[in-house]
Protein backbone atom coordinates (compact mmCIF):
# COMPACT_ATOMS: atom_id res chain seq x y z
CA MET A 1 113.78 95.98 112.76
CA ALA A 2 116.54 98.58 113.03
CA SER A 3 118.76 97.11 115.71
CA SER A 4 122.36 96.21 116.36
CA ILE A 5 124.13 93.27 117.99
CA ASN A 6 126.98 94.15 120.31
CA GLY A 7 130.03 92.01 121.18
CA ASN A 8 128.22 90.11 123.95
CA GLY A 9 125.38 88.96 121.66
CA PHE A 10 122.78 91.42 122.99
CA ILE A 11 120.38 93.08 120.57
CA THR A 12 119.76 96.77 121.13
CA THR A 13 116.86 98.68 119.63
CA THR A 14 114.39 101.41 120.56
CA VAL A 15 111.07 100.93 122.31
CA ASP A 16 109.42 102.48 119.24
CA GLU A 17 110.89 99.82 116.97
CA LEU A 18 110.01 97.01 119.38
CA LEU A 19 106.36 98.10 119.71
CA SER A 20 106.06 98.64 115.97
CA TRP A 21 107.51 95.18 115.29
CA GLY A 22 105.04 93.57 117.71
CA ARG A 23 102.06 95.42 116.27
CA ARG A 24 102.76 94.69 112.63
CA ASN A 25 103.66 91.02 113.10
CA ALA A 26 100.67 90.06 115.23
CA LEU A 27 97.66 91.48 113.38
CA TRP A 28 94.41 89.83 114.39
CA PRO A 29 91.57 90.62 111.97
CA VAL A 30 87.95 90.39 113.03
CA THR A 31 85.82 88.28 110.68
CA ILE A 32 83.27 90.49 108.92
CA GLY A 33 82.13 88.80 105.72
CA LEU A 34 79.20 90.56 104.09
CA ALA A 35 79.15 89.22 100.53
CA CYS A 36 81.16 87.35 97.89
CA CYS A 37 84.45 89.03 98.96
CA ALA A 38 84.21 87.04 102.19
CA ILE A 39 84.76 83.83 100.22
CA GLU A 40 88.05 85.24 98.94
CA MET A 41 88.97 86.29 102.50
CA MET A 42 88.33 82.72 103.67
CA HIS A 43 90.36 81.42 100.75
CA ALA A 44 93.30 83.61 101.86
CA ALA A 45 93.11 82.02 105.32
CA ALA A 46 92.95 78.46 103.94
CA SER A 47 95.88 76.16 103.30
CA ARG A 48 96.89 77.41 99.86
CA PHE A 49 97.63 81.02 100.89
CA ASP A 50 97.67 80.63 104.70
CA ILE A 51 97.91 84.16 106.09
CA ASP A 52 98.56 82.48 109.44
CA ARG A 53 102.24 82.43 108.53
CA LEU A 54 102.18 86.24 108.64
CA GLY A 55 101.02 86.14 112.27
CA MET A 56 97.40 86.91 111.40
CA ILE A 57 94.78 84.92 113.27
CA PHE A 58 91.10 85.62 112.57
CA ARG A 59 89.14 86.50 115.70
CA ALA A 60 85.39 86.24 116.25
CA SER A 61 85.31 88.99 118.86
CA PRO A 62 86.06 92.65 118.12
CA ARG A 63 87.53 93.03 121.62
CA GLN A 64 90.40 90.70 120.66
CA ALA A 65 91.03 92.08 117.17
CA ASP A 66 93.02 95.03 115.89
CA VAL A 67 92.19 94.90 112.15
CA LEU A 68 88.72 95.17 110.66
CA ILE A 69 88.49 93.67 107.17
CA VAL A 70 85.24 94.82 105.57
CA ALA A 71 84.69 92.26 102.81
CA GLY A 72 81.61 92.91 100.73
CA THR A 73 78.62 95.16 100.25
CA VAL A 74 77.66 97.30 103.24
CA VAL A 75 73.98 98.19 103.26
CA ASN A 76 72.60 101.03 105.35
CA LYS A 77 70.90 98.56 107.71
CA VAL A 78 74.25 96.93 108.56
CA ALA A 79 76.26 100.17 108.81
CA PRO A 80 75.35 100.94 112.47
CA MET A 81 76.35 97.43 113.55
CA LEU A 82 79.63 97.72 111.64
CA LYS A 83 80.32 101.04 113.37
CA LEU A 84 79.55 99.41 116.73
CA ILE A 85 82.04 96.62 116.01
CA TRP A 86 84.64 99.25 115.10
CA ASP A 87 83.98 101.14 118.34
CA GLN A 88 84.38 97.94 120.39
CA MET A 89 87.86 97.25 119.02
CA PRO A 90 90.75 98.34 121.25
CA GLU A 91 93.36 100.88 120.13
CA PRO A 92 95.46 100.75 118.03
CA LYS A 93 93.14 99.53 115.29
CA TRP A 94 93.17 99.52 111.52
CA CYS A 95 90.62 99.00 108.74
CA ILE A 96 90.93 97.32 105.35
CA SER A 97 88.22 97.87 102.74
CA MET A 98 88.13 94.77 100.54
CA GLY A 99 86.50 94.93 97.12
CA GLY A 100 84.65 97.46 95.04
CA CYS A 101 81.44 97.22 97.05
CA ALA A 102 83.06 98.02 100.38
CA SER A 103 85.25 100.73 98.87
CA ALA A 104 82.71 102.59 96.72
CA GLY A 105 79.36 100.79 96.70
CA GLY A 106 80.24 98.63 93.71
CA PRO A 107 77.56 98.18 91.02
CA PHE A 108 74.84 99.20 93.50
CA PRO A 109 74.30 102.98 93.32
CA THR A 110 71.06 102.66 95.29
CA TYR A 111 69.57 104.33 98.34
CA SER A 112 70.04 101.22 100.47
CA THR A 113 73.77 100.63 99.80
CA LEU A 114 76.48 102.54 101.63
CA GLN A 115 78.67 104.11 98.95
CA GLY A 116 81.95 103.33 100.65
CA VAL A 117 82.71 102.15 104.16
CA ASP A 118 84.97 105.20 104.61
CA ARG A 119 81.82 107.23 105.23
CA ILE A 120 81.50 105.64 108.69
CA ILE A 121 84.97 104.21 109.49
CA PRO A 122 88.46 105.53 108.67
CA VAL A 123 90.02 103.15 106.13
CA ASP A 124 93.77 102.49 106.07
CA VAL A 125 94.07 100.20 103.01
CA TYR A 126 91.78 99.76 99.99
CA ILE A 127 91.89 96.48 98.05
CA PRO A 128 90.39 96.78 94.55
CA GLY A 129 88.61 94.08 92.59
CA CYS A 130 85.28 92.38 92.19
CA PRO A 131 85.92 90.10 93.92
CA PRO A 132 89.51 90.78 94.94
CA THR A 133 91.84 87.81 94.87
CA PRO A 134 93.43 86.26 97.96
CA GLN A 135 96.75 87.59 96.65
CA GLY A 136 95.20 91.07 96.71
CA LEU A 137 94.21 90.64 100.36
CA ILE A 138 97.70 89.43 101.26
CA PHE A 139 99.19 92.43 99.44
CA GLY A 140 96.82 94.72 101.35
CA LEU A 141 97.86 93.15 104.66
CA LEU A 142 101.53 93.61 103.75
CA GLU A 143 100.81 97.26 102.89
CA LEU A 144 99.16 97.66 106.29
CA GLN A 145 102.27 96.19 107.92
CA ARG A 146 104.38 98.71 105.99
CA LYS A 147 102.17 101.58 107.20
CA ILE A 148 102.44 100.38 110.81
CA ARG A 149 106.25 100.17 110.48
CA GLU A 150 106.42 103.79 109.28
CA LYS A 151 104.08 105.13 111.96
CA LYS A 152 105.61 106.29 115.21
CA VAL A 153 104.23 105.18 118.57
CA THR A 154 102.85 108.41 120.02
CA ARG A 155 100.95 106.99 122.98
CA TYR A 156 104.22 105.81 124.54
CA GLU A 157 105.76 109.27 124.13
CA LYS A 158 102.78 110.94 125.80
CA ALA A 159 102.90 108.49 128.71
CA PHE A 160 106.65 109.04 129.10
CA GLU A 161 106.18 112.82 129.18
CA GLU A 162 103.66 112.44 132.03
CA PHE A 163 106.05 110.07 133.81
CA LYS A 164 108.91 112.58 133.50
CA LYS A 165 106.80 115.28 135.19
CA ASP A 166 106.70 113.15 138.35
CA LEU A 167 110.47 112.60 138.50
CA SER A 168 112.85 114.97 140.23
CA PRO A 169 115.12 117.16 138.02
CA GLU A 170 118.25 115.67 139.66
CA LEU A 171 117.21 112.17 138.66
CA LEU A 172 116.42 113.22 135.11
CA SER A 173 119.81 114.92 134.66
CA GLY A 174 121.52 111.80 136.03
CA ILE A 175 120.00 109.53 133.38
CA GLY A 176 120.53 112.00 130.52
CA VAL A 177 116.92 112.77 129.68
């Protein structure tokens, strides 16, 4: 976090940096395991790799999660339910496509298999492999954290602009805005 410590021991930073730090260090993925990639996702959460130490706690409810990890083959029958889970997640939200099946349909070029979850949900990070390793999932989660760090918080800026409209010009000039 880009911050500085002054002579009195106080840390100063921007609201953007603070919100970005909180978002990237408290990712809560929703558990969506559709095929063999889900076993590797569970392995990443177990004691050997323990993604808990990165601040990531798996949630069973989409209303408490901010990361959707699609692990496995998505068939056309499941796609509407997956889209519904995505729609139920609060903003900001991110998606990780784990494995060849979720990313591009895998070895199933059939009418019943969705040829990539990015056809129904915007994907932020793709993790290759069949099945991908737990190390691959951890790398993908770290890449997502990097993307969140680089992204600016625009919702705060929009809210502040609306707040400034309500303030008097004298007050705004007094605080240097």
